[in-house]
Amino acid sequence: MKTPIEMLNAIIEMQEANYGNSTNTHLDLITLVKEAKNVVKNCSIDDVMGMLPTEVINRVEVIDEKGRSYVNWKPTNRTELHIQDNGKTLKVFISQGN
C-alpha cells in the first residue's frame, strides 16, 4: 500500500502529465484521491510521526500557563520525537549534533 505522501505525489504527477487529456485520466485521479483519503484516515500515530520532518528541528520550546517553561535553541541540536503509552506520552529527545 502506498503512503499518503506517495499517493499525493502520484496525484500531482498525474495532474501535471494528463491535465485535460482524457476522461479516463480524470476517473483515475478521482479513484486515487478516494484511496488517498482512506489511507490518511487509517494512519497510525507512528505513520504520522514518520512523515514529520523532524531531522531539521533544532529548536524546542515547552509552553505552559506561565509561558515558556523550557527553551533550547542551540543551532547544533538534534531532536527525536517519540509517542508512547498508547499515544498519551510525547517524549522529545535533544542531543548535541555536529
N, C-alpha and C. Protein backbone atom coordinates (compact mmCIF):
# COMPACT_ATOMS: atom_id res chain seq x y z
N MET A 1 0.84 -1.18 0.00
CA MET A 1 0.00 0.00 0.00
C MET A 1 0.89 1.25 0.00
N LYS A 2 0.49 2.23 -0.78
CA LYS A 2 1.25 3.48 -0.85
C LYS A 2 1.03 4.31 0.40
N THR A 3 2.06 5.08 0.76
CA THR A 3 1.91 6.01 1.87
C THR A 3 1.12 7.22 1.37
N PRO A 4 0.58 8.03 2.28
CA PRO A 4 -0.14 9.24 1.84
C PRO A 4 0.72 10.15 0.98
N ILE A 5 1.99 10.29 1.31
CA ILE A 5 2.88 11.16 0.53
C ILE A 5 3.05 10.60 -0.88
N GLU A 6 3.24 9.28 -0.99
CA GLU A 6 3.37 8.67 -2.32
C GLU A 6 2.10 8.87 -3.14
N MET A 7 0.95 8.75 -2.49
CA MET A 7 -0.31 8.94 -3.20
C MET A 7 -0.48 10.39 -3.67
N LEU A 8 -0.14 11.32 -2.80
CA LEU A 8 -0.25 12.72 -3.19
C LEU A 8 0.70 13.05 -4.33
N ASN A 9 1.90 12.49 -4.29
CA ASN A 9 2.85 12.70 -5.39
C ASN A 9 2.31 12.11 -6.68
N ALA A 10 1.67 10.94 -6.60
CA ALA A 10 1.09 10.33 -7.79
C ALA A 10 -0.03 11.19 -8.35
N ILE A 11 -0.82 11.78 -7.47
CA ILE A 11 -1.90 12.67 -7.90
C ILE A 11 -1.32 13.88 -8.63
N ILE A 12 -0.29 14.47 -8.05
CA ILE A 12 0.35 15.65 -8.66
C ILE A 12 0.93 15.29 -10.02
N GLU A 13 1.64 14.16 -10.10
CA GLU A 13 2.23 13.74 -11.37
C GLU A 13 1.16 13.50 -12.42
N MET A 14 0.09 12.83 -12.03
CA MET A 14 -1.00 12.55 -12.97
C MET A 14 -1.63 13.86 -13.45
N GLN A 15 -1.83 14.77 -12.52
CA GLN A 15 -2.43 16.04 -12.87
C GLN A 15 -1.54 16.82 -13.83
N GLU A 16 -0.24 16.84 -13.56
CA GLU A 16 0.70 17.58 -14.41
C GLU A 16 0.82 16.94 -15.80
N ALA A 17 0.86 15.61 -15.85
CA ALA A 17 1.08 14.92 -17.12
C ALA A 17 -0.15 14.86 -18.00
N ASN A 18 -1.31 14.78 -17.40
CA ASN A 18 -2.51 14.48 -18.20
C ASN A 18 -3.66 15.46 -18.03
N TYR A 19 -3.41 16.61 -17.49
CA TYR A 19 -4.50 17.54 -17.21
C TYR A 19 -5.32 17.80 -18.47
N GLY A 20 -6.56 17.43 -18.41
CA GLY A 20 -7.49 17.70 -19.51
C GLY A 20 -7.34 16.81 -20.72
N ASN A 21 -6.48 15.76 -20.67
CA ASN A 21 -6.25 14.96 -21.86
C ASN A 21 -7.27 13.86 -22.10
N SER A 22 -7.85 13.30 -21.03
CA SER A 22 -8.81 12.22 -21.25
C SER A 22 -9.74 12.06 -20.07
N THR A 23 -10.90 11.48 -20.35
CA THR A 23 -11.87 11.20 -19.30
C THR A 23 -11.35 10.12 -18.38
N ASN A 24 -10.65 9.12 -18.92
CA ASN A 24 -10.12 8.05 -18.09
C ASN A 24 -9.14 8.58 -17.05
N THR A 25 -8.31 9.52 -17.44
CA THR A 25 -7.36 10.10 -16.50
C THR A 25 -8.10 10.79 -15.37
N HIS A 26 -9.18 11.48 -15.70
CA HIS A 26 -9.97 12.15 -14.69
C HIS A 26 -10.56 11.12 -13.71
N LEU A 27 -11.07 10.02 -14.22
CA LEU A 27 -11.63 8.98 -13.36
C LEU A 27 -10.55 8.32 -12.52
N ASP A 28 -9.36 8.10 -13.12
CA ASP A 28 -8.24 7.54 -12.36
C ASP A 28 -7.84 8.48 -11.23
N LEU A 29 -7.85 9.76 -11.50
CA LEU A 29 -7.49 10.76 -10.50
C LEU A 29 -8.49 10.74 -9.35
N ILE A 30 -9.77 10.66 -9.67
CA ILE A 30 -10.81 10.60 -8.63
C ILE A 30 -10.62 9.36 -7.76
N THR A 31 -10.35 8.21 -8.39
CA THR A 31 -10.13 6.97 -7.66
C THR A 31 -8.92 7.08 -6.74
N LEU A 32 -7.84 7.66 -7.25
CA LEU A 32 -6.62 7.81 -6.46
C LEU A 32 -6.85 8.73 -5.27
N VAL A 33 -7.60 9.81 -5.46
CA VAL A 33 -7.90 10.73 -4.36
C VAL A 33 -8.73 10.01 -3.29
N LYS A 34 -9.71 9.22 -3.70
CA LYS A 34 -10.52 8.47 -2.73
C LYS A 34 -9.66 7.49 -1.95
N GLU A 35 -8.76 6.79 -2.63
CA GLU A 35 -7.86 5.85 -1.96
C GLU A 35 -6.97 6.59 -0.97
N ALA A 36 -6.46 7.74 -1.38
CA ALA A 36 -5.58 8.53 -0.50
C ALA A 36 -6.32 8.96 0.76
N LYS A 37 -7.58 9.35 0.61
CA LYS A 37 -8.37 9.76 1.78
C LYS A 37 -8.51 8.60 2.77
N ASN A 38 -8.74 7.40 2.25
CA ASN A 38 -8.88 6.23 3.12
C ASN A 38 -7.57 5.91 3.82
N VAL A 39 -6.44 6.03 3.11
CA VAL A 39 -5.14 5.76 3.73
C VAL A 39 -4.88 6.76 4.84
N VAL A 40 -5.16 8.04 4.58
CA VAL A 40 -4.93 9.08 5.59
C VAL A 40 -5.79 8.83 6.82
N LYS A 41 -7.04 8.44 6.62
CA LYS A 41 -7.93 8.16 7.76
C LYS A 41 -7.40 7.03 8.61
N ASN A 42 -6.71 6.07 8.00
CA ASN A 42 -6.24 4.90 8.71
C ASN A 42 -4.80 5.00 9.18
N CYS A 43 -4.20 6.18 9.10
CA CYS A 43 -2.82 6.36 9.54
C CYS A 43 -2.73 6.20 11.06
N SER A 44 -1.70 5.52 11.48
CA SER A 44 -1.43 5.40 12.92
C SER A 44 -0.58 6.59 13.36
N ILE A 45 -0.42 6.72 14.64
CA ILE A 45 0.45 7.78 15.17
C ILE A 45 1.86 7.60 14.65
N ASP A 46 2.33 6.35 14.59
CA ASP A 46 3.67 6.08 14.08
C ASP A 46 3.81 6.51 12.62
N ASP A 47 2.76 6.28 11.80
CA ASP A 47 2.79 6.72 10.41
C ASP A 47 2.93 8.23 10.32
N VAL A 48 2.14 8.94 11.10
CA VAL A 48 2.16 10.40 11.09
C VAL A 48 3.51 10.92 11.58
N MET A 49 4.03 10.34 12.65
CA MET A 49 5.32 10.77 13.18
C MET A 49 6.42 10.54 12.14
N GLY A 50 6.32 9.44 11.38
CA GLY A 50 7.31 9.15 10.36
C GLY A 50 7.30 10.13 9.21
N MET A 51 6.17 10.83 9.03
CA MET A 51 6.07 11.81 7.94
C MET A 51 6.56 13.20 8.35
N LEU A 52 6.73 13.42 9.64
CA LEU A 52 7.18 14.74 10.09
C LEU A 52 8.65 14.95 9.78
N PRO A 53 9.02 16.16 9.36
CA PRO A 53 10.42 16.44 9.02
C PRO A 53 11.25 16.76 10.26
N THR A 54 11.30 15.83 11.21
CA THR A 54 11.95 16.11 12.49
C THR A 54 13.46 16.28 12.38
N GLU A 55 14.07 15.81 11.29
CA GLU A 55 15.52 15.92 11.17
C GLU A 55 15.99 17.37 11.04
N VAL A 56 15.11 18.29 10.72
CA VAL A 56 15.52 19.69 10.59
C VAL A 56 15.21 20.52 11.84
N ILE A 57 14.52 19.93 12.81
CA ILE A 57 14.14 20.67 14.02
C ILE A 57 15.33 20.78 14.95
N ASN A 58 15.67 22.02 15.33
CA ASN A 58 16.75 22.22 16.30
C ASN A 58 16.34 23.18 17.41
N ARG A 59 15.08 23.57 17.42
CA ARG A 59 14.57 24.46 18.47
C ARG A 59 13.43 23.76 19.19
N VAL A 60 13.50 23.75 20.51
CA VAL A 60 12.45 23.11 21.30
C VAL A 60 11.98 24.10 22.35
N GLU A 61 10.66 24.27 22.45
CA GLU A 61 10.07 25.11 23.48
C GLU A 61 8.90 24.36 24.11
N VAL A 62 8.78 24.46 25.40
CA VAL A 62 7.63 23.92 26.11
C VAL A 62 6.92 25.11 26.74
N ILE A 63 5.67 25.28 26.38
CA ILE A 63 4.90 26.43 26.87
C ILE A 63 3.80 25.93 27.79
N ASP A 64 3.71 26.51 28.96
CA ASP A 64 2.61 26.18 29.87
C ASP A 64 1.86 27.47 30.23
N GLU A 65 1.02 27.40 31.23
CA GLU A 65 0.21 28.56 31.59
C GLU A 65 1.04 29.76 32.06
N LYS A 66 2.27 29.52 32.46
CA LYS A 66 3.14 30.61 32.90
C LYS A 66 4.02 31.15 31.78
N GLY A 67 3.94 30.54 30.62
CA GLY A 67 4.77 30.96 29.49
C GLY A 67 5.75 29.87 29.10
N ARG A 68 6.92 30.27 28.63
CA ARG A 68 7.94 29.32 28.21
C ARG A 68 8.62 28.71 29.43
N SER A 69 8.33 27.44 29.70
CA SER A 69 8.94 26.80 30.86
C SER A 69 10.24 26.10 30.49
N TYR A 70 10.46 25.83 29.20
CA TYR A 70 11.70 25.23 28.74
C TYR A 70 11.99 25.73 27.34
N VAL A 71 13.21 26.21 27.12
CA VAL A 71 13.62 26.70 25.81
C VAL A 71 15.03 26.19 25.52
N ASN A 72 15.23 25.63 24.34
CA ASN A 72 16.56 25.18 23.92
C ASN A 72 16.66 25.44 22.43
N TRP A 73 17.41 26.48 22.07
CA TRP A 73 17.52 26.92 20.67
C TRP A 73 18.92 26.77 20.12
N LYS A 74 19.68 25.82 20.57
CA LYS A 74 21.05 25.68 20.08
C LYS A 74 21.03 25.21 18.62
N PRO A 75 21.78 25.87 17.76
CA PRO A 75 21.74 25.52 16.33
C PRO A 75 22.27 24.13 16.01
N THR A 76 23.00 23.52 16.93
CA THR A 76 23.53 22.17 16.68
C THR A 76 22.65 21.07 17.27
N ASN A 77 21.51 21.43 17.85
CA ASN A 77 20.61 20.43 18.42
C ASN A 77 20.13 19.44 17.37
N ARG A 78 19.99 18.20 17.80
CA ARG A 78 19.31 17.18 17.01
C ARG A 78 18.17 16.68 17.88
N THR A 79 17.01 16.51 17.28
CA THR A 79 15.84 16.11 18.05
C THR A 79 15.25 14.81 17.54
N GLU A 80 14.61 14.10 18.45
CA GLU A 80 13.83 12.93 18.11
C GLU A 80 12.52 13.02 18.88
N LEU A 81 11.43 12.72 18.22
CA LEU A 81 10.13 12.71 18.87
C LEU A 81 9.64 11.27 18.95
N HIS A 82 9.11 10.90 20.10
CA HIS A 82 8.55 9.57 20.28
C HIS A 82 7.18 9.70 20.95
N ILE A 83 6.22 8.96 20.43
CA ILE A 83 4.90 8.86 21.05
C ILE A 83 4.87 7.50 21.75
N GLN A 84 4.51 7.51 23.02
CA GLN A 84 4.47 6.26 23.78
C GLN A 84 3.19 6.17 24.60
N ASP A 85 3.03 5.07 25.28
CA ASP A 85 1.89 4.85 26.17
C ASP A 85 0.56 5.00 25.44
N ASN A 86 0.44 4.28 24.32
CA ASN A 86 -0.79 4.31 23.52
C ASN A 86 -1.18 5.72 23.11
N GLY A 87 -0.19 6.52 22.74
CA GLY A 87 -0.46 7.86 22.24
C GLY A 87 -0.66 8.91 23.32
N LYS A 88 -0.39 8.58 24.57
CA LYS A 88 -0.64 9.52 25.66
C LYS A 88 0.60 10.29 26.09
N THR A 89 1.79 9.84 25.66
CA THR A 89 3.03 10.49 26.09
C THR A 89 3.84 10.92 24.87
N LEU A 90 4.25 12.17 24.85
CA LEU A 90 5.17 12.68 23.85
C LEU A 90 6.51 12.88 24.52
N LYS A 91 7.53 12.22 23.99
CA LYS A 91 8.88 12.40 24.51
C LYS A 91 9.72 13.08 23.45
N VAL A 92 10.45 14.10 23.86
CA VAL A 92 11.35 14.83 22.97
C VAL A 92 12.77 14.60 23.47
N PHE A 93 13.60 14.02 22.62
CA PHE A 93 14.98 13.77 22.96
C PHE A 93 15.84 14.80 22.23
N ILE A 94 16.71 15.49 22.97
CA ILE A 94 17.56 16.52 22.39
C ILE A 94 19.01 16.12 22.64
N SER A 95 19.79 16.12 21.57
CA SER A 95 21.22 15.83 21.69
C SER A 95 22.00 16.87 20.88
N GLN A 96 23.25 17.03 21.23
CA GLN A 96 24.10 17.96 20.51
C GLN A 96 24.67 17.24 19.29
N GLY A 97 24.29 17.68 18.12
CA GLY A 97 24.80 17.10 16.89
C GLY A 97 25.84 18.01 16.27
N ASN A 98 26.53 17.50 15.30
CA ASN A 98 27.52 18.32 14.59
C ASN A 98 27.27 18.26 13.12
